[in-house]
Structure formats: C-alpha cells, structure tokens
C-alpha cells in the first residue's frame, strides 16, 4: 500500500503513529507543506522549514529502521490543496493523519471525503518531553 503522511501535527514521530504507517505501508511518502497563510501568524518561512525538516528527518529514520521505502516531498502552497493534489498525483492508497481537535483538521477531512481520497486517523497519546539535564540541574541546586 502506498501511503501519504502530511506532517501537520508535529506528532508524526510518535512511536504509535510510526507503527501504524509502517505496518500498513509498503511505500510511505512524507509531505512537508510550507503554507504561506500560516507563516504570517506563526513564524518565518526559514524557521518553519527548519522545524519541519527536523521532524521529517526523525520520521524518515524511524520508517527506514522498519525497512520500508520512504520518499519526502516539500511543497509550498495551501495545505489542503497540496494534500489533495499530491495524494492524486502520487496515486496513494490512503492518507494517514495524526488526530487533531481543531477546525482546520476538520476542513482537511471534509476535503478528502469530497474528493473520495481514503484516509485513516491515528490517535496518539501526548508524550511528556523531559528536558535533558533537568534532573542534573536539580541535583546541583540541592
């Protein structure tokens, strides 16, 4: 099965999500989208690309460790339109998404339903990220 994974939530590196896509996928396409609509609200283009690239690299290494074929695509444009067009152009069997609770995520799902693009939503647990050195600093302060 050919799978498209748009990097939208920042949680695509979660082990539960990696397991879901590598169990189902023969070829996995990671899609990084730089959406100009969000850049003015959130960050600069360079910062956005660097942050997404770090996530993309981490996800790609996890997939490669499972011996699966992985490709990466970076696109500039409107998120929903890019997901739809890449899914069609790459002839993917399914789009895998990390579940999000927001209006934008709902809009993405509506657009995929309208275009009859199959998708699967994976719910992942939030992992608390511990800062490295935090325990060491606490011991120094005691």
N, C-alpha and C. Protein backbone atom coordinates (compact mmCIF):
# COMPACT_ATOMS: atom_id res chain seq x y z
N UNK A 1 0.84 -1.17 0.00
CA UNK A 1 0.00 0.00 0.00
C UNK A 1 0.89 1.24 0.00
N UNK A 2 0.58 2.20 -0.86
CA UNK A 2 1.26 3.49 -0.89
C UNK A 2 0.53 4.45 0.03
N UNK A 3 1.28 5.06 0.94
CA UNK A 3 0.69 5.91 1.98
C UNK A 3 1.27 7.31 1.89
N UNK A 4 0.41 8.30 2.06
CA UNK A 4 0.83 9.69 2.16
C UNK A 4 0.69 10.13 3.61
N UNK A 5 1.76 10.74 4.14
CA UNK A 5 1.75 11.24 5.51
C UNK A 5 2.08 12.74 5.48
N UNK A 6 1.06 13.59 5.52
CA UNK A 6 1.33 15.02 5.63
C UNK A 6 1.79 15.34 7.06
N UNK A 7 2.87 16.08 7.19
CA UNK A 7 3.38 16.45 8.51
C UNK A 7 2.64 17.70 8.98
N UNK A 8 1.60 17.50 9.77
CA UNK A 8 0.73 18.60 10.16
C UNK A 8 0.73 18.88 11.66
N UNK A 9 0.80 17.84 12.46
CA UNK A 9 0.57 17.99 13.90
C UNK A 9 1.85 18.19 14.71
N UNK A 10 2.98 17.78 14.12
CA UNK A 10 4.22 17.79 14.88
C UNK A 10 4.38 16.54 15.72
N UNK A 11 3.40 15.64 15.65
CA UNK A 11 3.43 14.41 16.45
C UNK A 11 3.61 13.17 15.59
N UNK A 12 3.97 13.37 14.34
CA UNK A 12 4.11 12.23 13.42
C UNK A 12 5.30 11.34 13.77
N UNK A 13 6.15 11.80 14.68
CA UNK A 13 7.28 10.97 15.10
C UNK A 13 6.92 10.06 16.27
N UNK A 14 5.68 10.10 16.71
CA UNK A 14 5.21 9.27 17.82
C UNK A 14 5.32 7.78 17.44
N UNK A 15 5.86 6.95 18.32
CA UNK A 15 6.02 5.52 18.01
C UNK A 15 4.72 4.82 17.60
N UNK A 16 3.58 5.21 18.18
CA UNK A 16 2.30 4.60 17.81
C UNK A 16 1.96 4.90 16.36
N UNK A 17 2.21 6.13 15.95
CA UNK A 17 1.92 6.54 14.57
C UNK A 17 2.88 5.84 13.60
N UNK A 18 4.17 5.79 13.96
CA UNK A 18 5.16 5.12 13.11
C UNK A 18 4.77 3.66 12.91
N UNK A 19 4.33 3.01 13.98
CA UNK A 19 3.93 1.61 13.89
C UNK A 19 2.73 1.45 12.94
N UNK A 20 1.76 2.35 13.05
CA UNK A 20 0.57 2.27 12.20
C UNK A 20 0.92 2.42 10.72
N UNK A 21 1.78 3.37 10.40
CA UNK A 21 2.09 3.59 8.98
C UNK A 21 3.03 2.52 8.42
N UNK A 22 3.94 2.02 9.24
CA UNK A 22 4.87 1.00 8.73
C UNK A 22 4.23 -0.38 8.67
N UNK A 23 3.22 -0.62 9.49
CA UNK A 23 2.51 -1.90 9.44
C UNK A 23 1.70 -1.98 8.16
N UNK A 24 1.12 -0.85 7.76
CA UNK A 24 0.22 -0.82 6.60
C UNK A 24 0.91 -0.46 5.29
N UNK A 25 2.03 0.23 5.37
CA UNK A 25 2.61 0.79 4.16
C UNK A 25 3.77 0.03 3.57
N UNK A 26 3.78 -0.03 2.24
CA UNK A 26 4.92 -0.57 1.51
C UNK A 26 5.83 0.60 1.12
N UNK A 27 5.20 1.67 0.64
CA UNK A 27 5.91 2.90 0.28
C UNK A 27 5.22 4.04 1.03
N UNK A 28 6.02 4.84 1.74
CA UNK A 28 5.47 5.92 2.55
C UNK A 28 6.04 7.24 2.04
N UNK A 29 5.14 8.16 1.72
CA UNK A 29 5.53 9.47 1.22
C UNK A 29 5.27 10.49 2.32
N UNK A 30 6.34 11.15 2.76
CA UNK A 30 6.23 12.19 3.78
C UNK A 30 6.07 13.53 3.08
N UNK A 31 5.03 14.25 3.43
CA UNK A 31 4.75 15.53 2.79
C UNK A 31 4.91 16.67 3.78
N UNK A 32 5.87 17.53 3.49
CA UNK A 32 6.09 18.75 4.27
C UNK A 32 5.51 19.91 3.47
N UNK A 33 4.61 20.67 4.09
CA UNK A 33 3.97 21.78 3.39
C UNK A 33 4.32 23.08 4.10
N UNK A 34 4.81 24.03 3.33
CA UNK A 34 5.04 25.37 3.85
C UNK A 34 3.89 26.23 3.33
N UNK A 35 2.95 26.52 4.23
CA UNK A 35 1.72 27.22 3.88
C UNK A 35 1.86 28.70 4.24
N UNK A 36 1.84 29.55 3.23
CA UNK A 36 2.03 30.99 3.43
C UNK A 36 0.97 31.61 4.33
N UNK A 37 -0.23 31.03 4.34
CA UNK A 37 -1.30 31.57 5.18
C UNK A 37 -0.95 31.50 6.66
N UNK A 38 -0.19 30.47 7.06
CA UNK A 38 0.16 30.29 8.46
C UNK A 38 1.46 31.00 8.83
N UNK A 39 2.29 31.26 7.84
CA UNK A 39 3.59 31.85 8.15
C UNK A 39 3.48 33.21 8.82
N UNK A 40 2.57 34.05 8.34
CA UNK A 40 2.45 35.38 8.92
C UNK A 40 1.96 35.32 10.36
N UNK A 41 1.23 34.27 10.69
CA UNK A 41 0.68 34.13 12.03
C UNK A 41 1.65 33.44 12.98
N UNK A 42 2.48 32.56 12.46
CA UNK A 42 3.27 31.70 13.35
C UNK A 42 4.77 31.93 13.34
N UNK A 43 5.36 32.12 12.17
CA UNK A 43 6.82 32.21 12.14
C UNK A 43 7.30 32.68 10.78
N UNK A 44 8.59 32.67 10.61
CA UNK A 44 9.17 32.97 9.31
C UNK A 44 9.25 31.70 8.50
N UNK A 45 9.39 31.86 7.21
CA UNK A 45 9.46 30.69 6.33
C UNK A 45 10.67 29.82 6.67
N UNK A 46 11.81 30.44 6.89
CA UNK A 46 13.02 29.67 7.17
C UNK A 46 12.88 28.87 8.47
N UNK A 47 12.34 29.49 9.50
CA UNK A 47 12.14 28.80 10.77
C UNK A 47 11.17 27.64 10.63
N UNK A 48 10.12 27.86 9.87
CA UNK A 48 9.11 26.83 9.64
C UNK A 48 9.72 25.63 8.91
N UNK A 49 10.48 25.90 7.87
CA UNK A 49 11.10 24.84 7.09
C UNK A 49 12.09 24.06 7.95
N UNK A 50 12.89 24.77 8.74
CA UNK A 50 13.89 24.09 9.58
C UNK A 50 13.22 23.20 10.62
N UNK A 51 12.14 23.70 11.23
CA UNK A 51 11.43 22.91 12.23
C UNK A 51 10.80 21.67 11.60
N UNK A 52 10.14 21.86 10.46
CA UNK A 52 9.53 20.73 9.76
C UNK A 52 10.58 19.74 9.27
N UNK A 53 11.73 20.24 8.84
CA UNK A 53 12.78 19.36 8.33
C UNK A 53 13.31 18.45 9.44
N UNK A 54 13.42 18.99 10.66
CA UNK A 54 13.88 18.17 11.78
C UNK A 54 12.89 17.04 12.05
N UNK A 55 11.59 17.34 12.02
CA UNK A 55 10.56 16.32 12.22
C UNK A 55 10.60 15.31 11.08
N UNK A 56 10.69 15.80 9.86
CA UNK A 56 10.72 14.93 8.69
C UNK A 56 11.90 13.95 8.78
N UNK A 57 13.06 14.44 9.15
CA UNK A 57 14.25 13.60 9.27
C UNK A 57 14.05 12.51 10.33
N UNK A 58 13.47 12.88 11.45
CA UNK A 58 13.24 11.92 12.53
C UNK A 58 12.25 10.83 12.09
N UNK A 59 11.16 11.25 11.45
CA UNK A 59 10.16 10.29 10.98
C UNK A 59 10.76 9.38 9.90
N UNK A 60 11.51 9.95 9.00
CA UNK A 60 12.13 9.19 7.91
C UNK A 60 13.06 8.11 8.47
N UNK A 61 13.89 8.46 9.45
CA UNK A 61 14.80 7.48 10.06
C UNK A 61 14.03 6.36 10.74
N UNK A 62 12.93 6.70 11.40
CA UNK A 62 12.11 5.67 12.07
C UNK A 62 11.51 4.71 11.06
N UNK A 63 11.08 5.23 9.92
CA UNK A 63 10.49 4.40 8.87
C UNK A 63 11.57 3.51 8.24
N UNK A 64 12.72 4.10 7.97
CA UNK A 64 13.82 3.33 7.37
C UNK A 64 14.29 2.21 8.31
N UNK A 65 14.21 2.45 9.60
CA UNK A 65 14.59 1.41 10.57
C UNK A 65 13.65 0.21 10.48
N UNK A 66 12.44 0.43 9.98
CA UNK A 66 11.46 -0.66 9.80
C UNK A 66 11.58 -1.28 8.41
N UNK A 67 12.62 -0.88 7.67
CA UNK A 67 12.91 -1.43 6.33
C UNK A 67 11.80 -1.15 5.32
N UNK A 68 11.23 0.05 5.40
CA UNK A 68 10.19 0.45 4.45
C UNK A 68 10.74 1.52 3.52
N UNK A 69 10.20 1.55 2.31
CA UNK A 69 10.59 2.57 1.34
C UNK A 69 9.95 3.89 1.73
N UNK A 70 10.74 4.96 1.74
CA UNK A 70 10.22 6.26 2.13
C UNK A 70 10.71 7.34 1.17
N UNK A 71 9.81 8.24 0.83
CA UNK A 71 10.13 9.39 -0.01
C UNK A 71 9.70 10.64 0.73
N UNK A 72 10.34 11.76 0.41
CA UNK A 72 9.93 13.01 1.02
C UNK A 72 9.65 14.05 -0.06
N UNK A 73 8.61 14.82 0.18
CA UNK A 73 8.22 15.89 -0.73
C UNK A 73 8.01 17.15 0.09
N UNK A 74 8.58 18.26 -0.37
CA UNK A 74 8.33 19.55 0.26
C UNK A 74 7.61 20.42 -0.76
N UNK A 75 6.49 20.97 -0.35
CA UNK A 75 5.66 21.80 -1.22
C UNK A 75 5.36 23.13 -0.56
N UNK A 76 5.30 24.17 -1.34
CA UNK A 76 4.87 25.49 -0.89
C UNK A 76 3.47 25.72 -1.43
N UNK A 77 2.56 26.15 -0.57
CA UNK A 77 1.20 26.43 -1.02
C UNK A 77 0.18 26.21 0.07
N UNK A 78 -1.06 26.11 -0.35
CA UNK A 78 -2.17 25.91 0.57
C UNK A 78 -2.22 24.45 1.00
N UNK A 79 -2.26 24.23 2.30
CA UNK A 79 -2.15 22.88 2.87
C UNK A 79 -3.16 21.90 2.27
N UNK A 80 -4.43 22.24 2.31
CA UNK A 80 -5.46 21.31 1.85
C UNK A 80 -5.28 20.98 0.37
N UNK A 81 -5.05 21.98 -0.45
CA UNK A 81 -4.87 21.75 -1.89
C UNK A 81 -3.66 20.88 -2.16
N UNK A 82 -2.58 21.09 -1.41
CA UNK A 82 -1.36 20.30 -1.62
C UNK A 82 -1.57 18.83 -1.22
N UNK A 83 -2.26 18.60 -0.11
CA UNK A 83 -2.53 17.21 0.30
C UNK A 83 -3.34 16.50 -0.77
N UNK A 84 -4.40 17.15 -1.25
CA UNK A 84 -5.25 16.54 -2.27
C UNK A 84 -4.49 16.27 -3.56
N UNK A 85 -3.74 17.28 -4.02
CA UNK A 85 -3.05 17.10 -5.31
C UNK A 85 -1.94 16.05 -5.23
N UNK A 86 -1.19 16.04 -4.14
CA UNK A 86 -0.11 15.04 -4.01
C UNK A 86 -0.71 13.63 -3.86
N UNK A 87 -1.80 13.51 -3.14
CA UNK A 87 -2.45 12.19 -2.99
C UNK A 87 -2.88 11.66 -4.35
N UNK A 88 -3.41 12.52 -5.19
CA UNK A 88 -3.87 12.11 -6.52
C UNK A 88 -2.68 11.84 -7.45
N UNK A 89 -1.72 12.76 -7.48
CA UNK A 89 -0.57 12.62 -8.38
C UNK A 89 0.29 11.40 -8.04
N UNK A 90 0.44 11.13 -6.76
CA UNK A 90 1.27 10.00 -6.33
C UNK A 90 0.48 8.68 -6.28
N UNK A 91 -0.81 8.76 -6.57
CA UNK A 91 -1.68 7.58 -6.59
C UNK A 91 -1.59 6.79 -5.29
N UNK A 92 -1.73 7.51 -4.17
CA UNK A 92 -1.65 6.83 -2.88
C UNK A 92 -2.94 6.06 -2.59
N UNK A 93 -2.80 5.00 -1.84
CA UNK A 93 -3.95 4.20 -1.45
C UNK A 93 -4.68 4.80 -0.26
N UNK A 94 -3.92 5.51 0.58
CA UNK A 94 -4.52 6.07 1.79
C UNK A 94 -3.62 7.18 2.33
N UNK A 95 -4.28 8.16 2.96
CA UNK A 95 -3.57 9.24 3.67
C UNK A 95 -3.70 8.95 5.16
N UNK A 96 -2.58 8.95 5.86
CA UNK A 96 -2.58 8.74 7.31
C UNK A 96 -2.34 10.07 8.00
N UNK A 97 -3.17 10.35 9.01
CA UNK A 97 -3.08 11.61 9.74
C UNK A 97 -3.10 11.37 11.24
N UNK A 98 -2.36 12.20 11.97
CA UNK A 98 -2.45 12.19 13.43
C UNK A 98 -3.68 13.02 13.79
N UNK A 99 -4.53 12.47 14.66
CA UNK A 99 -5.77 13.14 15.05
C UNK A 99 -5.47 14.48 15.73
N UNK A 100 -6.24 15.48 15.31
CA UNK A 100 -6.16 16.81 15.92
C UNK A 100 -7.58 17.29 16.19
N UNK A 101 -7.73 18.06 17.23
CA UNK A 101 -9.05 18.60 17.56
C UNK A 101 -9.10 20.09 17.25
N UNK A 102 -9.23 20.39 15.95
CA UNK A 102 -9.38 21.78 15.55
C UNK A 102 -10.15 21.87 14.23
N UNK A 103 -10.61 23.05 13.92
CA UNK A 103 -11.44 23.28 12.74
C UNK A 103 -10.67 22.97 11.45
N UNK A 104 -9.40 23.35 11.42
CA UNK A 104 -8.60 23.14 10.22
C UNK A 104 -8.49 21.65 9.88
N UNK A 105 -8.30 20.82 10.90
CA UNK A 105 -8.23 19.37 10.69
C UNK A 105 -9.56 18.87 10.13
N UNK A 106 -10.65 19.38 10.66
CA UNK A 106 -11.98 19.01 10.14
C UNK A 106 -12.14 19.40 8.68
N UNK A 107 -11.61 20.56 8.31
CA UNK A 107 -11.68 21.02 6.91
C UNK A 107 -10.88 20.09 5.99
N UNK A 108 -9.75 19.61 6.48
CA UNK A 108 -8.93 18.68 5.69
C UNK A 108 -9.72 17.39 5.44
N UNK A 109 -10.35 16.86 6.49
CA UNK A 109 -11.13 15.62 6.36
C UNK A 109 -12.29 15.80 5.39
N UNK A 110 -13.00 16.93 5.48
CA UNK A 110 -14.12 17.21 4.56
C UNK A 110 -13.65 17.23 3.11
N UNK A 111 -12.51 17.88 2.88
CA UNK A 111 -11.97 17.97 1.51
C UNK A 111 -11.59 16.59 0.97
N UNK A 112 -11.02 15.74 1.82
CA UNK A 112 -10.64 14.40 1.36
C UNK A 112 -11.88 13.55 1.10
N UNK A 113 -12.91 13.69 1.94
CA UNK A 113 -14.16 12.97 1.69
C UNK A 113 -14.76 13.39 0.36
N UNK A 114 -14.79 14.70 0.13
CA UNK A 114 -15.37 15.24 -1.11
C UNK A 114 -14.64 14.70 -2.34
N UNK A 115 -13.32 14.58 -2.25
CA UNK A 115 -12.52 14.08 -3.39
C UNK A 115 -12.40 12.56 -3.39
N UNK A 116 -13.04 11.91 -2.42
CA UNK A 116 -13.01 10.44 -2.30
C UNK A 116 -11.60 9.88 -2.14
N UNK A 117 -10.81 10.59 -1.31
CA UNK A 117 -9.46 10.12 -1.01
C UNK A 117 -9.53 9.39 0.33
N UNK A 118 -9.21 8.10 0.34
CA UNK A 118 -9.26 7.32 1.58
C UNK A 118 -8.23 7.84 2.59
N UNK A 119 -8.64 7.85 3.85
CA UNK A 119 -7.72 8.29 4.89
C UNK A 119 -7.95 7.50 6.16
N UNK A 120 -6.95 7.55 7.02
CA UNK A 120 -7.05 6.91 8.33
C UNK A 120 -6.49 7.88 9.36
N UNK A 121 -7.22 8.02 10.45
CA UNK A 121 -6.80 8.92 11.52
C UNK A 121 -6.25 8.07 12.66
N UNK A 122 -5.06 8.40 13.10
CA UNK A 122 -4.42 7.68 14.19
C UNK A 122 -4.36 8.62 15.40
N UNK A 123 -4.92 8.16 16.51
CA UNK A 123 -4.86 8.95 17.73
C UNK A 123 -3.62 8.53 18.52
N UNK A 124 -2.80 9.51 18.86
CA UNK A 124 -1.59 9.22 19.62
C UNK A 124 -1.67 9.93 20.97
N UNK A 125 -1.04 9.30 21.95
CA UNK A 125 -1.00 9.90 23.28
C UNK A 125 0.09 10.95 23.31
N UNK A 126 -0.17 12.04 24.00
CA UNK A 126 0.86 13.06 24.16
C UNK A 126 1.93 12.52 25.08
N UNK A 127 3.16 12.61 24.61
CA UNK A 127 4.28 12.19 25.44
C UNK A 127 4.87 13.44 26.08
N UNK A 128 5.09 13.36 27.37
CA UNK A 128 5.75 14.48 28.03
C UNK A 128 7.22 14.42 27.68
N UNK A 129 7.71 15.52 27.15
CA UNK A 129 9.12 15.57 26.78
C UNK A 129 9.90 16.17 27.93
N UNK A 130 10.84 15.39 28.43
CA UNK A 130 11.69 15.86 29.52
C UNK A 130 12.90 16.55 28.93
N UNK A 131 13.22 17.67 29.52
CA UNK A 131 14.39 18.39 29.06
C UNK A 131 15.64 17.67 29.54
N UNK A 132 16.59 17.53 28.64
CA UNK A 132 17.84 16.88 29.01
C UNK A 132 18.56 17.76 30.01
N UNK A 133 19.12 17.14 31.02
CA UNK A 133 19.87 17.88 32.00
C UNK A 133 19.04 18.42 33.14
N UNK A 134 17.73 18.29 33.05
CA UNK A 134 16.85 18.85 34.08
C UNK A 134 17.13 18.21 35.43
N UNK A 135 17.19 16.89 35.48
CA UNK A 135 17.47 16.21 36.75
C UNK A 135 18.86 16.54 37.28
N UNK A 136 19.80 16.67 36.37
CA UNK A 136 21.16 17.01 36.76
C UNK A 136 21.19 18.39 37.42
N UNK A 137 20.46 19.35 36.84
CA UNK A 137 20.42 20.70 37.40
C UNK A 137 19.75 20.71 38.77
N UNK A 138 18.70 19.92 38.92
CA UNK A 138 18.03 19.85 40.22
C UNK A 138 18.97 19.33 41.29
N UNK A 139 19.79 18.35 40.95
CA UNK A 139 20.73 17.78 41.93
C UNK A 139 21.79 18.81 42.31
N UNK A 140 22.19 19.63 41.33
CA UNK A 140 23.20 20.66 41.62
C UNK A 140 22.66 21.73 42.58
N UNK A 141 21.36 22.03 42.46
CA UNK A 141 20.75 23.07 43.27
C UNK A 141 20.44 22.63 44.68
N UNK A 142 20.52 21.34 44.97
CA UNK A 142 20.19 20.82 46.31
C UNK A 142 21.36 20.97 47.25
